Amino acid sequence: MSAAQQGPRSWRQVEQVASFTLIGCLLAFIGSRLFFAVWWPLHPLDFAISSVAVALLVGSFWFAMHRRGWRIAVIVFASATQLVPVVAREPKVLLPLLGALIPVGVLVGCLVALSKKGSGGRPHSGS
């Protein structure tokens, strides 16, 4: 069967795939940061919270498989473990991070709109 014959896919699946993709990216980033801590030592607090974040990211593939709130909580925690120490040490980094919130806000708005699109029954025709 072709994709047109299978019917529309659930927008919940779109959010789920986007969440797990983001979890995978965070896992790769934080994991590589911990791996390179062998050669370039991290601050002990950074190492501890990054290790907790990696454990939660790995575990989220099981315990947050069907719970959107838990996936979002894990993503927020893992992101915060990387951003908060950097901003605390170098406050001038805050301005570029605030500028980066604009595309992140657009992405979050699109994901929210997509997740609510399928809840009304029939999809809207047109644009």
C-alpha atoms as a PDB file:
ATOM      1  CA  MET A   1       0.000   0.000   0.000  1.00  0.00           C
ATOM      2  CA  SER A   2       1.150   3.511  -0.669  1.00  0.00           C
ATOM      3  CA  ALA A   3       1.190   6.245   1.964  1.00  0.00           C
ATOM      4  CA  ALA A   4      -1.911   7.855   0.435  1.00  0.00           C
ATOM      5  CA  GLN A   5      -3.915   4.650   0.866  1.00  0.00           C
ATOM      6  CA  GLN A   6      -2.937   4.144   4.518  1.00  0.00           C
ATOM      7  CA  GLY A   7      -4.681   7.299   5.715  1.00  0.00           C
ATOM      8  CA  PRO A   8      -3.380  10.221   7.713  1.00  0.00           C
ATOM      9  CA  ARG A   9      -0.792   9.549  10.387  1.00  0.00           C
ATOM     10  CA  SER A  10      -1.436  10.590  13.935  1.00  0.00           C
ATOM     11  CA  TRP A  11      -0.003  13.963  14.919  1.00  0.00           C
ATOM     12  CA  ARG A  12       0.768  12.386  18.269  1.00  0.00           C
ATOM     13  CA  GLN A  13       3.316  10.255  16.449  1.00  0.00           C
ATOM     14  CA  VAL A  14       4.911  13.399  15.033  1.00  0.00           C
ATOM     15  CA  GLU A  15       5.363  14.791  18.540  1.00  0.00           C
ATOM     16  CA  GLN A  16       6.649  11.455  19.801  1.00  0.00           C
ATOM     17  CA  VAL A  17       9.220  11.131  17.013  1.00  0.00           C
ATOM     18  CA  ALA A  18      10.316  14.749  17.514  1.00  0.00           C
ATOM     19  CA  SER A  19      10.682  14.176  21.276  1.00  0.00           C
ATOM     20  CA  PHE A  20      12.707  11.005  20.878  1.00  0.00           C
ATOM     21  CA  THR A  21      14.887  12.646  18.222  1.00  0.00           C
ATOM     22  CA  LEU A  22      15.614  15.488  20.615  1.00  0.00           C
ATOM     23  CA  ILE A  23      16.322  13.002  23.408  1.00  0.00           C
ATOM     24  CA  GLY A  24      18.748  11.186  21.103  1.00  0.00           C
ATOM     25  CA  CYS A  25      20.516  14.434  20.197  1.00  0.00           C
ATOM     26  CA  LEU A  26      20.811  15.431  23.849  1.00  0.00           C
ATOM     27  CA  LEU A  27      22.092  11.968  24.702  1.00  0.00           C
ATOM     28  CA  ALA A  28      24.765  12.198  21.986  1.00  0.00           C
ATOM     29  CA  PHE A  29      25.808  15.693  23.067  1.00  0.00           C
ATOM     30  CA  ILE A  30      25.945  15.059  26.811  1.00  0.00           C
ATOM     31  CA  GLY A  31      27.440  11.602  26.338  1.00  0.00           C
ATOM     32  CA  SER A  32      30.245  12.957  24.170  1.00  0.00           C
ATOM     33  CA  ARG A  33      30.837  15.725  26.720  1.00  0.00           C
ATOM     34  CA  LEU A  34      31.206  13.106  29.457  1.00  0.00           C
ATOM     35  CA  PHE A  35      33.432  10.977  27.212  1.00  0.00           C
ATOM     36  CA  PHE A  36      35.775  13.887  26.579  1.00  0.00           C
ATOM     37  CA  ALA A  37      35.911  14.550  30.332  1.00  0.00           C
ATOM     38  CA  VAL A  38      38.595  11.853  30.356  1.00  0.00           C
ATOM     39  CA  TRP A  39      40.975  14.286  28.629  1.00  0.00           C
ATOM     40  CA  TRP A  40      39.482  17.661  29.613  1.00  0.00           C
ATOM     41  CA  PRO A  41      38.184  17.463  33.171  1.00  0.00           C
ATOM     42  CA  LEU A  42      34.756  18.864  33.959  1.00  0.00           C
ATOM     43  CA  HIS A  43      33.786  20.635  37.125  1.00  0.00           C
ATOM     44  CA  PRO A  44      32.634  17.924  39.582  1.00  0.00           C
ATOM     45  CA  LEU A  45      29.115  19.397  39.813  1.00  0.00           C
ATOM     46  CA  ASP A  46      28.819  19.495  36.002  1.00  0.00           C
ATOM     47  CA  PHE A  47      29.986  15.895  35.809  1.00  0.00           C
ATOM     48  CA  ALA A  48      27.450  14.768  38.425  1.00  0.00           C
ATOM     49  CA  ILE A  49      24.409  16.491  36.932  1.00  0.00           C
ATOM     50  CA  SER A  50      25.421  15.480  33.406  1.00  0.00           C
ATOM     51  CA  SER A  51      25.688  11.859  34.546  1.00  0.00           C
ATOM     52  CA  VAL A  52      22.189  12.063  36.057  1.00  0.00           C
ATOM     53  CA  ALA A  53      20.916  13.634  32.825  1.00  0.00           C
ATOM     54  CA  VAL A  54      22.402  10.795  30.736  1.00  0.00           C
ATOM     55  CA  ALA A  55      20.813   8.196  33.014  1.00  0.00           C
ATOM     56  CA  LEU A  56      17.420   9.908  32.689  1.00  0.00           C
ATOM     57  CA  LEU A  57      17.784  10.250  28.918  1.00  0.00           C
ATOM     58  CA  VAL A  58      18.607   6.560  28.523  1.00  0.00           C
ATOM     59  CA  GLY A  59      15.809   5.584  30.889  1.00  0.00           C
ATOM     60  CA  SER A  60      13.303   7.814  29.138  1.00  0.00           C
ATOM     61  CA  PHE A  61      13.209   5.428  26.187  1.00  0.00           C
ATOM     62  CA  TRP A  62      11.446   3.015  28.573  1.00  0.00           C
ATOM     63  CA  PHE A  63       9.664   4.948  31.316  1.00  0.00           C
ATOM     64  CA  ALA A  64       8.520   7.869  29.157  1.00  0.00           C
ATOM     65  CA  MET A  65       7.596   5.919  26.032  1.00  0.00           C
ATOM     66  CA  HIS A  66       3.889   6.729  26.289  1.00  0.00           C
ATOM     67  CA  ARG A  67       3.942   9.770  28.587  1.00  0.00           C
ATOM     68  CA  ARG A  68       4.434  13.120  26.881  1.00  0.00           C
ATOM     69  CA  GLY A  69       4.821  15.047  30.138  1.00  0.00           C
ATOM     70  CA  TRP A  70       7.664  12.840  31.311  1.00  0.00           C
ATOM     71  CA  ARG A  71       9.451  13.141  27.952  1.00  0.00           C
ATOM     72  CA  ILE A  72       9.202  16.917  28.108  1.00  0.00           C
ATOM     73  CA  ALA A  73      10.395  16.949  31.728  1.00  0.00           C
ATOM     74  CA  VAL A  74      13.456  14.855  30.841  1.00  0.00           C
ATOM     75  CA  ILE A  75      14.254  17.111  27.868  1.00  0.00           C
ATOM     76  CA  VAL A  76      13.925  20.256  29.993  1.00  0.00           C
ATOM     77  CA  PHE A  77      16.087  18.804  32.792  1.00  0.00           C
ATOM     78  CA  ALA A  78      18.815  17.585  30.418  1.00  0.00           C
ATOM     79  CA  SER A  79      18.881  20.926  28.602  1.00  0.00           C
ATOM     80  CA  ALA A  80      19.008  22.837  31.884  1.00  0.00           C
ATOM     81  CA  THR A  81      21.941  20.744  33.130  1.00  0.00           C
ATOM     82  CA  GLN A  82      23.939  21.994  30.164  1.00  0.00           C
ATOM     83  CA  LEU A  83      22.764  25.610  29.965  1.00  0.00           C
ATOM     84  CA  VAL A  84      22.519  26.746  33.593  1.00  0.00           C
ATOM     85  CA  PRO A  85      26.186  26.070  34.562  1.00  0.00           C
ATOM     86  CA  VAL A  86      27.428  27.816  31.414  1.00  0.00           C
ATOM     87  CA  VAL A  87      25.303  30.912  32.055  1.00  0.00           C
ATOM     88  CA  ALA A  88      26.260  30.929  35.739  1.00  0.00           C
ATOM     89  CA  ARG A  89      29.966  31.008  34.841  1.00  0.00           C
ATOM     90  CA  GLU A  90      29.711  33.311  31.811  1.00  0.00           C
ATOM     91  CA  PRO A  91      26.653  35.600  32.049  1.00  0.00           C
ATOM     92  CA  LYS A  92      27.439  37.221  28.684  1.00  0.00           C
ATOM     93  CA  VAL A  93      26.357  33.961  27.012  1.00  0.00           C
ATOM     94  CA  LEU A  94      22.780  34.711  28.100  1.00  0.00           C
ATOM     95  CA  LEU A  95      22.130  37.199  25.273  1.00  0.00           C
ATOM     96  CA  PRO A  96      22.786  34.728  22.398  1.00  0.00           C
ATOM     97  CA  LEU A  97      20.771  32.097  24.261  1.00  0.00           C
ATOM     98  CA  LEU A  98      17.818  34.464  24.521  1.00  0.00           C
ATOM     99  CA  GLY A  99      18.096  35.084  20.778  1.00  0.00           C
ATOM    100  CA  ALA A 100      18.059  31.331  20.209  1.00  0.00           C
ATOM    101  CA  LEU A 101      14.719  31.126  22.033  1.00  0.00           C
ATOM    102  CA  ILE A 102      12.955  32.648  19.026  1.00  0.00           C
ATOM    103  CA  PRO A 103      13.308  29.614  16.695  1.00  0.00           C
ATOM    104  CA  VAL A 104      12.802  27.259  19.652  1.00  0.00           C
ATOM    105  CA  GLY A 105       9.534  29.068  20.443  1.00  0.00           C
ATOM    106  CA  VAL A 106       8.431  28.751  16.815  1.00  0.00           C
ATOM    107  CA  LEU A 107       9.238  25.019  16.890  1.00  0.00           C
ATOM    108  CA  VAL A 108       7.343  24.484  20.141  1.00  0.00           C
ATOM    109  CA  GLY A 109       4.367  26.419  18.776  1.00  0.00           C
ATOM    110  CA  CYS A 110       4.350  24.271  15.634  1.00  0.00           C
ATOM    111  CA  LEU A 111       4.533  21.051  17.658  1.00  0.00           C
ATOM    112  CA  VAL A 112       1.655  22.190  19.875  1.00  0.00           C
ATOM    113  CA  ALA A 113      -0.426  23.110  16.829  1.00  0.00           C
ATOM    114  CA  LEU A 114       0.344  19.767  15.186  1.00  0.00           C
ATOM    115  CA  SER A 115      -0.520  17.828  18.324  1.00  0.00           C
ATOM    116  CA  LYS A 116      -3.914  19.562  18.540  1.00  0.00           C
ATOM    117  CA  LYS A 117      -4.664  19.298  14.828  1.00  0.00           C
ATOM    118  CA  GLY A 118      -5.794  15.669  14.943  1.00  0.00           C
ATOM    119  CA  SER A 119      -8.017  16.099  17.991  1.00  0.00           C
ATOM    120  CA  GLY A 120     -10.851  17.825  16.128  1.00  0.00           C
ATOM    121  CA  GLY A 121     -11.941  14.818  14.105  1.00  0.00           C
ATOM    122  CA  ARG A 122     -11.666  15.735  10.418  1.00  0.00           C
ATOM    123  CA  PRO A 123      -8.538  17.534   9.227  1.00  0.00           C
ATOM    124  CA  HIS A 124      -9.028  21.028   7.861  1.00  0.00           C
ATOM    125  CA  SER A 125      -9.031  21.367   4.087  1.00  0.00           C
ATOM    126  CA  GLY A 126      -6.951  24.108   2.546  1.00  0.00           C
ATOM    127  CA  SER A 127      -4.206  26.037   4.279  1.00  0.00           C
END
